[in-house]
Amino acid sequence: MQHIIRGFFILLFCFSSLWSVERPKVLTLQEAFHISATQDNQGVMIDVKLGEGIYLYDDKIKLIISSPKIIDITSFVERPKAQIYHDTLTQRHSFTLFVPNLLLENEIKKEPFTLKLSYQGCSELGICYQPMTNEFHFNTNTPLNKTALSEQDAIAAQLMQGNVFWVLLSFFGFGLLLSLTPCIFPMIPILSSIIVSQPSLKNER
């Protein structure tokens, strides 16, 4: 009887140990695939970040301009060399797709456009996800960079846009303010040249 009881507790301990072992987590779509896009003066970068144990089928990766017209640009955009996994070509690490502005301008000029990235991935746990598509919309393929102006440039720009009366008033006001600082000397030629260049002042002479 003691042997039976001892065997029962041994089996119970074994089953409890199995249940306590942490099972691999199945990632959600958001955890498995994080796709984002950014744009600068060089082109568009699409970042493909894969979760732990996630890979993509290489032949399922498609990059298409879906508007203003449909153009498959997959073969024109480089990506890392595919790796064989389970006799299939795959992408097993995160990577970035770069679409240069030159390619965009050749295909769609300077119109607003949409890029569509299609892909399908699986988990090393043996679970495959459904085919996915991400779309990214852009207003233009030639974004403008805003250049930061210095204080002196900003003041000069404001004065150039004003009429003669406001230019004279601003000149007087800035003169009073600048007289309290050591920056007055660099500003004298700038403000003077702005006032002299006003057409209405020249006509009054």
N, C-alpha and C. Protein backbone atom coordinates (compact mmCIF):
# COMPACT_ATOMS: atom_id res chain seq x y z
N MET A 1 0.82 -1.20 0.00
CA MET A 1 0.00 0.00 0.00
C MET A 1 0.87 1.27 0.00
N GLN A 2 1.95 1.21 0.78
CA GLN A 2 2.85 2.35 0.83
C GLN A 2 3.50 2.60 -0.53
N HIS A 3 3.80 1.51 -1.23
CA HIS A 3 4.38 1.67 -2.56
C HIS A 3 3.41 2.35 -3.52
N ILE A 4 2.14 2.00 -3.41
CA ILE A 4 1.13 2.62 -4.29
C ILE A 4 1.00 4.10 -4.00
N ILE A 5 0.96 4.45 -2.71
CA ILE A 5 0.85 5.86 -2.33
C ILE A 5 2.08 6.64 -2.79
N ARG A 6 3.27 6.02 -2.59
CA ARG A 6 4.50 6.69 -3.01
C ARG A 6 4.52 6.90 -4.51
N GLY A 7 4.07 5.88 -5.28
CA GLY A 7 4.02 6.01 -6.73
C GLY A 7 3.05 7.08 -7.18
N PHE A 8 1.93 7.21 -6.47
CA PHE A 8 0.94 8.22 -6.80
C PHE A 8 1.53 9.62 -6.64
N PHE A 9 2.24 9.84 -5.54
CA PHE A 9 2.83 11.15 -5.29
C PHE A 9 3.95 11.46 -6.30
N ILE A 10 4.68 10.43 -6.70
CA ILE A 10 5.72 10.64 -7.71
C ILE A 10 5.10 11.07 -9.03
N LEU A 11 4.01 10.41 -9.45
CA LEU A 11 3.31 10.80 -10.67
C LEU A 11 2.74 12.21 -10.56
N LEU A 12 2.17 12.52 -9.39
CA LEU A 12 1.60 13.85 -9.18
C LEU A 12 2.69 14.92 -9.28
N PHE A 13 3.86 14.60 -8.72
CA PHE A 13 4.97 15.56 -8.79
C PHE A 13 5.44 15.76 -10.23
N CYS A 14 5.48 14.68 -11.00
CA CYS A 14 5.91 14.78 -12.40
C CYS A 14 4.95 15.63 -13.21
N PHE A 15 3.64 15.40 -13.04
CA PHE A 15 2.64 16.18 -13.78
C PHE A 15 2.69 17.65 -13.38
N SER A 16 2.87 17.92 -12.09
CA SER A 16 2.93 19.32 -11.66
C SER A 16 4.17 20.00 -12.21
N SER A 17 5.27 19.26 -12.37
CA SER A 17 6.49 19.83 -12.94
C SER A 17 6.29 20.18 -14.39
N LEU A 18 5.56 19.32 -15.11
CA LEU A 18 5.30 19.60 -16.52
C LEU A 18 4.46 20.86 -16.69
N TRP A 19 3.48 21.04 -15.85
CA TRP A 19 2.62 22.21 -15.95
C TRP A 19 3.36 23.50 -15.57
N SER A 20 4.35 23.35 -14.67
CA SER A 20 5.08 24.55 -14.23
C SER A 20 6.12 25.02 -15.23
N VAL A 21 6.46 24.18 -16.21
CA VAL A 21 7.43 24.57 -17.23
C VAL A 21 6.82 25.68 -18.10
N GLU A 22 7.55 26.76 -18.30
CA GLU A 22 7.05 27.90 -19.08
C GLU A 22 6.95 27.51 -20.55
N ARG A 23 5.78 27.65 -21.09
CA ARG A 23 5.56 27.31 -22.49
C ARG A 23 5.92 28.50 -23.39
N PRO A 24 6.44 28.22 -24.60
CA PRO A 24 6.77 29.31 -25.54
C PRO A 24 5.52 30.14 -25.85
N LYS A 25 5.69 31.45 -25.92
CA LYS A 25 4.56 32.35 -26.15
C LYS A 25 4.31 32.53 -27.64
N VAL A 26 3.06 32.43 -28.02
CA VAL A 26 2.67 32.71 -29.40
C VAL A 26 2.43 34.22 -29.52
N LEU A 27 3.19 34.87 -30.38
CA LEU A 27 3.11 36.32 -30.51
C LEU A 27 1.87 36.74 -31.29
N THR A 28 1.32 37.87 -30.90
CA THR A 28 0.22 38.46 -31.67
C THR A 28 0.78 39.07 -32.95
N LEU A 29 -0.10 39.51 -33.84
CA LEU A 29 0.34 40.14 -35.09
C LEU A 29 1.18 41.38 -34.80
N GLN A 30 0.74 42.18 -33.82
CA GLN A 30 1.46 43.41 -33.48
C GLN A 30 2.83 43.11 -32.90
N GLU A 31 2.92 42.02 -32.14
CA GLU A 31 4.21 41.64 -31.55
C GLU A 31 5.13 40.98 -32.57
N ALA A 32 4.55 40.27 -33.51
CA ALA A 32 5.36 39.54 -34.50
C ALA A 32 5.89 40.46 -35.59
N PHE A 33 5.07 41.43 -36.03
CA PHE A 33 5.47 42.29 -37.15
C PHE A 33 5.23 43.75 -36.78
N HIS A 34 6.29 44.52 -36.79
CA HIS A 34 6.18 45.96 -36.56
C HIS A 34 6.75 46.67 -37.78
N ILE A 35 5.88 47.25 -38.58
CA ILE A 35 6.27 47.89 -39.85
C ILE A 35 6.04 49.39 -39.74
N SER A 36 7.05 50.17 -40.07
CA SER A 36 6.92 51.63 -40.03
C SER A 36 7.68 52.22 -41.22
N ALA A 37 7.31 53.45 -41.58
CA ALA A 37 7.94 54.12 -42.72
C ALA A 37 8.26 55.56 -42.37
N THR A 38 9.40 56.03 -42.86
CA THR A 38 9.81 57.42 -42.70
C THR A 38 10.29 57.93 -44.06
N GLN A 39 10.27 59.26 -44.21
CA GLN A 39 10.65 59.89 -45.47
C GLN A 39 11.60 61.05 -45.21
N ASP A 40 12.62 61.17 -46.05
CA ASP A 40 13.50 62.34 -46.00
C ASP A 40 13.84 62.77 -47.41
N ASN A 41 14.83 63.63 -47.57
CA ASN A 41 15.17 64.15 -48.89
C ASN A 41 15.80 63.10 -49.80
N GLN A 42 16.21 61.97 -49.24
CA GLN A 42 16.81 60.91 -50.05
C GLN A 42 15.78 59.92 -50.56
N GLY A 43 14.72 59.72 -49.81
CA GLY A 43 13.71 58.75 -50.22
C GLY A 43 12.89 58.26 -49.04
N VAL A 44 12.34 57.06 -49.18
CA VAL A 44 11.48 56.46 -48.16
C VAL A 44 12.16 55.23 -47.58
N MET A 45 12.18 55.14 -46.25
CA MET A 45 12.70 53.97 -45.56
C MET A 45 11.56 53.22 -44.89
N ILE A 46 11.42 51.95 -45.20
CA ILE A 46 10.40 51.11 -44.57
C ILE A 46 11.13 50.12 -43.66
N ASP A 47 10.91 50.28 -42.35
CA ASP A 47 11.56 49.42 -41.36
C ASP A 47 10.66 48.22 -41.05
N VAL A 48 11.24 47.03 -41.21
CA VAL A 48 10.52 45.79 -40.94
C VAL A 48 11.17 45.14 -39.73
N LYS A 49 10.50 45.21 -38.59
CA LYS A 49 11.04 44.63 -37.36
C LYS A 49 10.26 43.36 -37.04
N LEU A 50 10.99 42.28 -36.83
CA LEU A 50 10.38 40.98 -36.57
C LEU A 50 10.53 40.61 -35.11
N GLY A 51 9.47 40.02 -34.56
CA GLY A 51 9.52 39.55 -33.18
C GLY A 51 10.42 38.33 -33.03
N GLU A 52 10.63 37.93 -31.79
CA GLU A 52 11.51 36.80 -31.52
C GLU A 52 10.95 35.51 -32.14
N GLY A 53 11.80 34.83 -32.90
CA GLY A 53 11.40 33.57 -33.52
C GLY A 53 10.50 33.72 -34.73
N ILE A 54 10.41 34.93 -35.29
CA ILE A 54 9.54 35.19 -36.44
C ILE A 54 10.40 35.32 -37.71
N TYR A 55 9.92 34.80 -38.80
CA TYR A 55 10.60 34.95 -40.09
C TYR A 55 9.57 35.17 -41.19
N LEU A 56 10.03 35.73 -42.31
CA LEU A 56 9.18 36.01 -43.46
C LEU A 56 9.57 35.12 -44.63
N TYR A 57 8.58 34.71 -45.41
CA TYR A 57 8.87 34.05 -46.68
C TYR A 57 9.40 35.10 -47.65
N ASP A 58 10.59 34.86 -48.18
CA ASP A 58 11.22 35.88 -49.02
C ASP A 58 10.40 36.16 -50.29
N ASP A 59 9.82 35.13 -50.88
CA ASP A 59 9.09 35.33 -52.13
C ASP A 59 7.71 35.96 -51.92
N LYS A 60 7.29 36.12 -50.65
CA LYS A 60 6.01 36.76 -50.36
C LYS A 60 6.15 38.26 -50.13
N ILE A 61 7.38 38.74 -50.08
CA ILE A 61 7.61 40.17 -49.84
C ILE A 61 7.43 40.93 -51.15
N LYS A 62 6.45 41.80 -51.21
CA LYS A 62 6.16 42.59 -52.40
C LYS A 62 6.01 44.05 -52.01
N LEU A 63 6.67 44.92 -52.76
CA LEU A 63 6.55 46.35 -52.54
C LEU A 63 6.01 46.99 -53.81
N ILE A 64 4.86 47.66 -53.68
CA ILE A 64 4.14 48.19 -54.85
C ILE A 64 3.76 49.64 -54.61
N ILE A 65 3.92 50.45 -55.64
CA ILE A 65 3.30 51.79 -55.64
C ILE A 65 1.85 51.57 -56.06
N SER A 66 0.92 51.80 -55.14
CA SER A 66 -0.48 51.50 -55.43
C SER A 66 -1.26 52.70 -55.93
N SER A 67 -0.69 53.90 -55.77
CA SER A 67 -1.31 55.10 -56.34
C SER A 67 -0.20 56.15 -56.51
N PRO A 68 -0.32 57.02 -57.50
CA PRO A 68 -1.46 57.27 -58.41
C PRO A 68 -1.64 56.19 -59.48
N LYS A 69 -0.66 55.29 -59.63
CA LYS A 69 -0.82 54.15 -60.52
C LYS A 69 -0.12 52.96 -59.90
N ILE A 70 -0.47 51.78 -60.36
CA ILE A 70 0.06 50.55 -59.77
C ILE A 70 1.36 50.16 -60.47
N ILE A 71 2.45 50.13 -59.67
CA ILE A 71 3.76 49.75 -60.22
C ILE A 71 4.46 48.85 -59.20
N ASP A 72 4.85 47.68 -59.63
CA ASP A 72 5.59 46.76 -58.76
C ASP A 72 7.06 47.14 -58.77
N ILE A 73 7.57 47.60 -57.64
CA ILE A 73 8.98 48.02 -57.56
C ILE A 73 9.80 47.05 -56.69
N THR A 74 9.28 45.86 -56.46
CA THR A 74 9.96 44.90 -55.60
C THR A 74 11.38 44.62 -56.08
N SER A 75 11.54 44.40 -57.36
CA SER A 75 12.85 44.02 -57.90
C SER A 75 13.84 45.19 -57.91
N PHE A 76 13.34 46.43 -57.74
CA PHE A 76 14.22 47.59 -57.76
C PHE A 76 14.71 47.99 -56.37
N VAL A 77 14.16 47.37 -55.34
CA VAL A 77 14.49 47.73 -53.95
C VAL A 77 15.28 46.58 -53.32
N GLU A 78 16.46 46.90 -52.81
CA GLU A 78 17.32 45.87 -52.22
C GLU A 78 16.84 45.45 -50.84
N ARG A 79 17.07 44.19 -50.53
CA ARG A 79 16.83 43.67 -49.19
C ARG A 79 17.91 42.63 -48.89
N PRO A 80 18.08 42.24 -47.63
CA PRO A 80 19.15 41.30 -47.29
C PRO A 80 19.02 39.98 -48.04
N LYS A 81 20.15 39.33 -48.22
CA LYS A 81 20.16 38.03 -48.89
C LYS A 81 19.33 37.03 -48.09
N ALA A 82 18.48 36.30 -48.79
CA ALA A 82 17.58 35.35 -48.12
C ALA A 82 18.37 34.16 -47.55
N GLN A 83 17.84 33.59 -46.47
CA GLN A 83 18.44 32.43 -45.83
C GLN A 83 17.49 31.24 -45.96
N ILE A 84 18.06 30.07 -46.15
CA ILE A 84 17.24 28.86 -46.29
C ILE A 84 16.85 28.36 -44.91
N TYR A 85 15.56 28.17 -44.71
CA TYR A 85 15.04 27.63 -43.45
C TYR A 85 13.90 26.68 -43.80
N HIS A 86 14.03 25.41 -43.40
CA HIS A 86 13.06 24.38 -43.76
C HIS A 86 12.88 24.33 -45.28
N ASP A 87 14.00 24.35 -45.99
CA ASP A 87 14.00 24.26 -47.47
C ASP A 87 13.28 25.42 -48.14
N THR A 88 13.16 26.55 -47.45
CA THR A 88 12.47 27.72 -48.01
C THR A 88 13.33 28.96 -47.81
N LEU A 89 13.34 29.84 -48.82
CA LEU A 89 14.06 31.10 -48.70
C LEU A 89 13.30 32.04 -47.77
N THR A 90 13.97 32.53 -46.74
CA THR A 90 13.30 33.36 -45.74
C THR A 90 14.15 34.56 -45.36
N GLN A 91 13.49 35.53 -44.72
CA GLN A 91 14.16 36.64 -44.05
C GLN A 91 13.97 36.41 -42.56
N ARG A 92 15.08 36.19 -41.86
CA ARG A 92 14.99 35.78 -40.45
C ARG A 92 15.37 36.90 -39.49
N HIS A 93 15.71 38.06 -40.01
CA HIS A 93 16.09 39.19 -39.16
C HIS A 93 15.40 40.46 -39.63
N SER A 94 15.31 41.43 -38.74
CA SER A 94 14.73 42.73 -39.11
C SER A 94 15.58 43.39 -40.19
N PHE A 95 14.93 44.17 -41.05
CA PHE A 95 15.65 44.82 -42.14
C PHE A 95 14.91 46.09 -42.55
N THR A 96 15.56 46.86 -43.44
CA THR A 96 14.99 48.12 -43.93
C THR A 96 14.98 48.13 -45.45
N LEU A 97 13.87 48.54 -46.03
CA LEU A 97 13.75 48.71 -47.46
C LEU A 97 13.87 50.20 -47.78
N PHE A 98 14.77 50.54 -48.69
CA PHE A 98 14.98 51.94 -49.05
C PHE A 98 14.51 52.18 -50.48
N VAL A 99 13.57 53.13 -50.63
CA VAL A 99 13.05 53.50 -51.94
C VAL A 99 13.58 54.90 -52.26
N PRO A 100 14.56 55.01 -53.16
CA PRO A 100 15.15 56.33 -53.44
C PRO A 100 14.19 57.26 -54.17
N ASN A 101 14.36 58.55 -53.96
CA ASN A 101 13.53 59.54 -54.64
C ASN A 101 13.68 59.47 -56.15
N LEU A 102 14.87 59.11 -56.63
CA LEU A 102 15.09 59.00 -58.07
C LEU A 102 14.15 57.99 -58.69
N LEU A 103 13.95 56.87 -58.02
CA LEU A 103 13.02 55.85 -58.51
C LEU A 103 11.60 56.37 -58.50
N LEU A 104 11.21 57.06 -57.43
CA LEU A 104 9.86 57.60 -57.34
C LEU A 104 9.61 58.66 -58.41
N GLU A 105 10.59 59.53 -58.64
CA GLU A 105 10.42 60.59 -59.64
C GLU A 105 10.32 60.01 -61.04
N ASN A 106 11.04 58.94 -61.30
CA ASN A 106 10.97 58.31 -62.63
C ASN A 106 9.59 57.70 -62.88
N GLU A 107 8.96 57.23 -61.83
CA GLU A 107 7.70 56.50 -62.00
C GLU A 107 6.47 57.39 -61.84
N ILE A 108 6.51 58.32 -60.87
CA ILE A 108 5.29 59.09 -60.58
C ILE A 108 5.54 60.59 -60.50
N LYS A 109 6.71 61.04 -60.97
CA LYS A 109 7.04 62.46 -60.94
C LYS A 109 6.99 62.98 -59.50
N LYS A 110 6.21 64.05 -59.25
CA LYS A 110 6.15 64.64 -57.91
C LYS A 110 4.75 64.57 -57.31
N GLU A 111 3.99 63.59 -57.73
CA GLU A 111 2.61 63.45 -57.24
C GLU A 111 2.57 62.77 -55.88
N PRO A 112 1.50 62.99 -55.11
CA PRO A 112 1.29 62.20 -53.89
C PRO A 112 1.20 60.72 -54.26
N PHE A 113 1.65 59.87 -53.36
CA PHE A 113 1.70 58.45 -53.71
C PHE A 113 1.46 57.59 -52.47
N THR A 114 1.18 56.31 -52.74
CA THR A 114 0.97 55.32 -51.68
C THR A 114 1.85 54.11 -51.96
N LEU A 115 2.57 53.65 -50.93
CA LEU A 115 3.36 52.43 -51.03
C LEU A 115 2.66 51.31 -50.26
N LYS A 116 2.60 50.15 -50.87
CA LYS A 116 1.95 49.00 -50.24
C LYS A 116 2.96 47.86 -50.09
N LEU A 117 3.18 47.44 -48.86
CA LEU A 117 4.09 46.33 -48.56
C LEU A 117 3.28 45.10 -48.18
N SER A 118 3.48 44.02 -48.93
CA SER A 118 2.79 42.76 -48.64
C SER A 118 3.81 41.72 -48.20
N TYR A 119 3.41 40.84 -47.28
CA TYR A 119 4.34 39.84 -46.74
C TYR A 119 3.56 38.75 -46.01
N GLN A 120 4.23 37.65 -45.75
CA GLN A 120 3.66 36.59 -44.92
C GLN A 120 4.77 35.98 -44.09
N GLY A 121 4.49 35.77 -42.82
CA GLY A 121 5.51 35.24 -41.92
C GLY A 121 5.01 34.09 -41.09
N CYS A 122 5.97 33.43 -40.45
CA CYS A 122 5.67 32.29 -39.58
C CYS A 122 6.50 32.39 -38.31
N SER A 123 6.10 31.60 -37.33
CA SER A 123 6.86 31.48 -36.09
C SER A 123 7.63 30.17 -36.09
N GLU A 124 8.77 30.16 -35.43
CA GLU A 124 9.54 28.93 -35.32
C GLU A 124 8.81 27.86 -34.52
N LEU A 125 7.72 28.26 -33.86
CA LEU A 125 6.90 27.29 -33.13
C LEU A 125 6.05 26.45 -34.07
N GLY A 126 6.06 26.81 -35.37
CA GLY A 126 5.28 26.05 -36.35
C GLY A 126 3.96 26.69 -36.70
N ILE A 127 3.75 27.93 -36.26
CA ILE A 127 2.50 28.64 -36.54
C ILE A 127 2.76 29.67 -37.63
N CYS A 128 1.92 29.66 -38.67
CA CYS A 128 2.05 30.65 -39.74
C CYS A 128 0.90 31.66 -39.66
N TYR A 129 1.22 32.90 -39.94
CA TYR A 129 0.24 33.97 -39.91
C TYR A 129 -0.34 34.18 -41.30
N GLN A 130 -1.49 34.79 -41.35
CA GLN A 130 -2.13 35.08 -42.63
C GLN A 130 -1.33 36.14 -43.38
N PRO A 131 -1.43 36.19 -44.71
CA PRO A 131 -0.75 37.25 -45.47
C PRO A 131 -1.17 38.63 -44.98
N MET A 132 -0.20 39.54 -44.90
CA MET A 132 -0.44 40.86 -44.34
C MET A 132 -0.09 41.94 -45.38
N THR A 133 -0.70 43.12 -45.21
CA THR A 133 -0.43 44.26 -46.09
C THR A 133 -0.41 45.53 -45.25
N ASN A 134 0.61 46.35 -45.47
CA ASN A 134 0.70 47.67 -44.84
C ASN A 134 0.77 48.73 -45.93
N GLU A 135 -0.01 49.80 -45.77
CA GLU A 135 0.00 50.89 -46.75
C GLU A 135 0.50 52.17 -46.08
N PHE A 136 1.30 52.94 -46.84
CA PHE A 136 1.85 54.19 -46.35
C PHE A 136 1.58 55.28 -47.38
N HIS A 137 0.98 56.38 -46.92
CA HIS A 137 0.60 57.47 -47.81
C HIS A 137 1.55 58.65 -47.65
N PHE A 138 1.95 59.23 -48.76
CA PHE A 138 2.88 60.37 -48.75
C PHE A 138 2.33 61.47 -49.64
N ASN A 139 2.47 62.71 -49.19
CA ASN A 139 1.96 63.85 -49.96
C ASN A 139 2.81 64.15 -51.19
N THR A 140 4.12 63.94 -51.06
CA THR A 140 5.03 64.21 -52.18
C THR A 140 6.30 63.40 -51.98
N ASN A 141 7.04 63.19 -53.06
CA ASN A 141 8.29 62.46 -52.93
C ASN A 141 9.50 63.38 -52.83
N THR A 142 9.24 64.69 -52.61
CA THR A 142 10.33 65.65 -52.41
C THR A 142 10.00 66.51 -51.20
N PRO A 143 10.14 65.97 -49.99
CA PRO A 143 9.82 66.74 -48.79
C PRO A 143 10.76 67.92 -48.64
N LEU A 144 10.22 69.01 -48.06
CA LEU A 144 11.01 70.22 -47.85
C LEU A 144 11.57 70.22 -46.43
N ASN A 145 12.83 70.59 -46.32
CA ASN A 145 13.44 70.74 -45.01
C ASN A 145 13.26 72.17 -44.53
N LYS A 146 12.80 72.34 -43.30
CA LYS A 146 12.69 73.66 -42.72
C LYS A 146 14.02 74.02 -42.08
N THR A 147 14.62 75.10 -42.56
CA THR A 147 15.91 75.53 -42.04
C THR A 147 15.71 76.47 -40.87
N ALA A 148 16.39 76.17 -39.78
CA ALA A 148 16.28 77.03 -38.61
C ALA A 148 17.00 78.34 -38.87
N LEU A 149 16.34 79.46 -38.53
CA LEU A 149 16.92 80.78 -38.72
C LEU A 149 17.52 81.28 -37.42
N SER A 150 18.62 82.00 -37.54
CA SER A 150 19.19 82.65 -36.37
C SER A 150 18.31 83.82 -35.99
N GLU A 151 18.55 84.39 -34.81
CA GLU A 151 17.76 85.55 -34.38
C GLU A 151 17.90 86.70 -35.34
N GLN A 152 19.12 86.96 -35.80
CA GLN A 152 19.35 88.09 -36.70
C GLN A 152 18.64 87.87 -38.03
N ASP A 153 18.70 86.62 -38.56
CA ASP A 153 18.03 86.32 -39.83
C ASP A 153 16.52 86.47 -39.70
N ALA A 154 15.97 86.02 -38.55
CA ALA A 154 14.53 86.11 -38.33
C ALA A 154 14.08 87.57 -38.30
N ILE A 155 14.84 88.41 -37.60
CA ILE A 155 14.50 89.84 -37.53
C ILE A 155 14.56 90.47 -38.91
N ALA A 156 15.63 90.14 -39.66
CA ALA A 156 15.79 90.70 -40.99
C ALA A 156 14.66 90.28 -41.91
N ALA A 157 14.23 89.00 -41.80
CA ALA A 157 13.14 88.50 -42.65
C ALA A 157 11.84 89.23 -42.34
N GLN A 158 11.57 89.47 -41.07
CA GLN A 158 10.34 90.16 -40.71
C GLN A 158 10.35 91.60 -41.22
N LEU A 159 11.51 92.25 -41.15
CA LEU A 159 11.59 93.63 -41.62
C LEU A 159 11.42 93.73 -43.13
N MET A 160 11.97 92.74 -43.86
CA MET A 160 11.88 92.78 -45.31
C MET A 160 10.45 92.62 -45.79
N GLN A 161 9.60 91.94 -44.98
CA GLN A 161 8.23 91.68 -45.39
C GLN A 161 7.28 92.83 -45.02
N GLY A 162 7.74 93.79 -44.22
CA GLY A 162 6.87 94.86 -43.77
C GLY A 162 6.89 96.07 -44.68
N ASN A 163 5.95 97.02 -44.46
CA ASN A 163 5.95 98.26 -45.23
C ASN A 163 6.94 99.25 -44.61
N VAL A 164 7.07 100.43 -45.24
CA VAL A 164 8.11 101.38 -44.82
C VAL A 164 7.87 101.86 -43.40
N PHE A 165 6.61 102.15 -43.06
CA PHE A 165 6.31 102.67 -41.73
C PHE A 165 6.71 101.67 -40.65
N TRP A 166 6.31 100.40 -40.86
CA TRP A 166 6.63 99.38 -39.86
C TRP A 166 8.11 99.06 -39.84
N VAL A 167 8.76 99.21 -40.98
CA VAL A 167 10.21 98.99 -41.00
C VAL A 167 10.92 100.04 -40.14
N LEU A 168 10.50 101.32 -40.32
CA LEU A 168 11.11 102.40 -39.52
C LEU A 168 10.83 102.22 -38.03
N LEU A 169 9.55 101.87 -37.73
CA LEU A 169 9.18 101.68 -36.33
C LEU A 169 9.95 100.50 -35.72
N SER A 170 10.07 99.41 -36.50
CA SER A 170 10.79 98.24 -36.01
C SER A 170 12.26 98.57 -35.83
N PHE A 171 12.80 99.35 -36.78
CA PHE A 171 14.20 99.74 -36.68
C PHE A 171 14.46 100.49 -35.38
N PHE A 172 13.55 101.42 -35.05
CA PHE A 172 13.68 102.20 -33.83
C PHE A 172 13.57 101.30 -32.59
N GLY A 173 12.55 100.38 -32.62
CA GLY A 173 12.34 99.50 -31.47
C GLY A 173 13.50 98.54 -31.26
N PHE A 174 13.93 97.90 -32.34
CA PHE A 174 15.06 96.97 -32.22
C PHE A 174 16.33 97.71 -31.81
N GLY A 175 16.44 98.96 -32.29
CA GLY A 175 17.62 99.74 -31.90
C GLY A 175 17.68 99.98 -30.41
N LEU A 176 16.53 100.29 -29.81
CA LEU A 176 16.50 100.50 -28.36
C LEU A 176 16.84 99.23 -27.61
N LEU A 177 16.26 98.10 -28.09
CA LEU A 177 16.52 96.83 -27.42
C LEU A 177 17.98 96.40 -27.57
N LEU A 178 18.50 96.53 -28.78
CA LEU A 178 19.85 96.07 -29.04
C LEU A 178 20.89 96.95 -28.39
N SER A 179 20.52 98.21 -28.09
CA SER A 179 21.49 99.10 -27.44
C SER A 179 21.83 98.63 -26.04
N LEU A 180 20.98 97.78 -25.49
CA LEU A 180 21.23 97.24 -24.15
C LEU A 180 22.05 95.97 -24.18
N THR A 181 22.40 95.49 -25.36
CA THR A 181 23.15 94.23 -25.49
C THR A 181 24.41 94.47 -26.31
N PRO A 182 25.39 93.56 -26.20
CA PRO A 182 26.61 93.69 -27.00
C PRO A 182 26.42 93.27 -28.45
N CYS A 183 25.20 92.90 -28.86
CA CYS A 183 24.96 92.43 -30.23
C CYS A 183 24.61 93.57 -31.18
N ILE A 184 24.68 94.81 -30.73
CA ILE A 184 24.21 95.91 -31.57
C ILE A 184 25.06 96.10 -32.81
N PHE A 185 26.37 95.92 -32.70
CA PHE A 185 27.26 96.23 -33.81
C PHE A 185 27.04 95.33 -35.03
N PRO A 186 26.86 94.01 -34.89
CA PRO A 186 26.58 93.20 -36.09
C PRO A 186 25.26 93.53 -36.75
N MET A 187 24.29 94.09 -35.98
CA MET A 187 22.97 94.35 -36.53
C MET A 187 22.89 95.66 -37.31
N ILE A 188 23.81 96.60 -37.05
CA ILE A 188 23.73 97.91 -37.69
C ILE A 188 23.78 97.81 -39.22
N PRO A 189 24.75 97.11 -39.82
CA PRO A 189 24.76 97.03 -41.29
C PRO A 189 23.56 96.28 -41.85
N ILE A 190 23.04 95.28 -41.11
CA ILE A 190 21.90 94.50 -41.61
C ILE A 190 20.66 95.39 -41.68
N LEU A 191 20.35 96.08 -40.58
CA LEU A 191 19.16 96.92 -40.55
C LEU A 191 19.29 98.10 -41.50
N SER A 192 20.47 98.67 -41.59
CA SER A 192 20.67 99.82 -42.46
C SER A 192 20.47 99.44 -43.92
N SER A 193 20.99 98.26 -44.31
CA SER A 193 20.86 97.84 -45.71
C SER A 193 19.42 97.55 -46.06
N ILE A 194 18.63 97.06 -45.08
CA ILE A 194 17.21 96.78 -45.33
C ILE A 194 16.46 98.07 -45.59
N ILE A 195 16.72 99.07 -44.78
CA ILE A 195 16.00 100.34 -44.94
C ILE A 195 16.39 101.02 -46.24
N VAL A 196 17.67 101.04 -46.55
CA VAL A 196 18.14 101.69 -47.78
C VAL A 196 17.56 101.02 -49.01
N SER A 197 17.33 99.68 -48.91
CA SER A 197 16.86 98.94 -50.08
C SER A 197 15.38 99.08 -50.33
N GLN A 198 14.61 99.73 -49.41
CA GLN A 198 13.17 99.88 -49.61
C GLN A 198 12.90 100.80 -50.79
N PRO A 199 12.10 100.39 -51.78
CA PRO A 199 11.85 101.17 -52.98
C PRO A 199 11.21 102.52 -52.70
N SER A 200 10.26 102.57 -51.75
CA SER A 200 9.54 103.80 -51.49
C SER A 200 10.45 104.86 -50.91
N LEU A 201 11.45 104.41 -50.13
CA LEU A 201 12.41 105.38 -49.57
C LEU A 201 13.26 105.98 -50.68
N LYS A 202 13.65 105.18 -51.65
CA LYS A 202 14.45 105.68 -52.77
C LYS A 202 13.65 106.70 -53.58
N ASN A 203 12.34 106.47 -53.72
CA ASN A 203 11.52 107.37 -54.53
C ASN A 203 11.33 108.72 -53.88
N GLU A 204 11.42 108.77 -52.54
CA GLU A 204 11.21 110.02 -51.83
C GLU A 204 12.42 110.96 -51.94
N ARG A 205 13.55 110.40 -52.39
CA ARG A 205 14.75 111.23 -52.51
C ARG A 205 14.68 112.14 -53.72
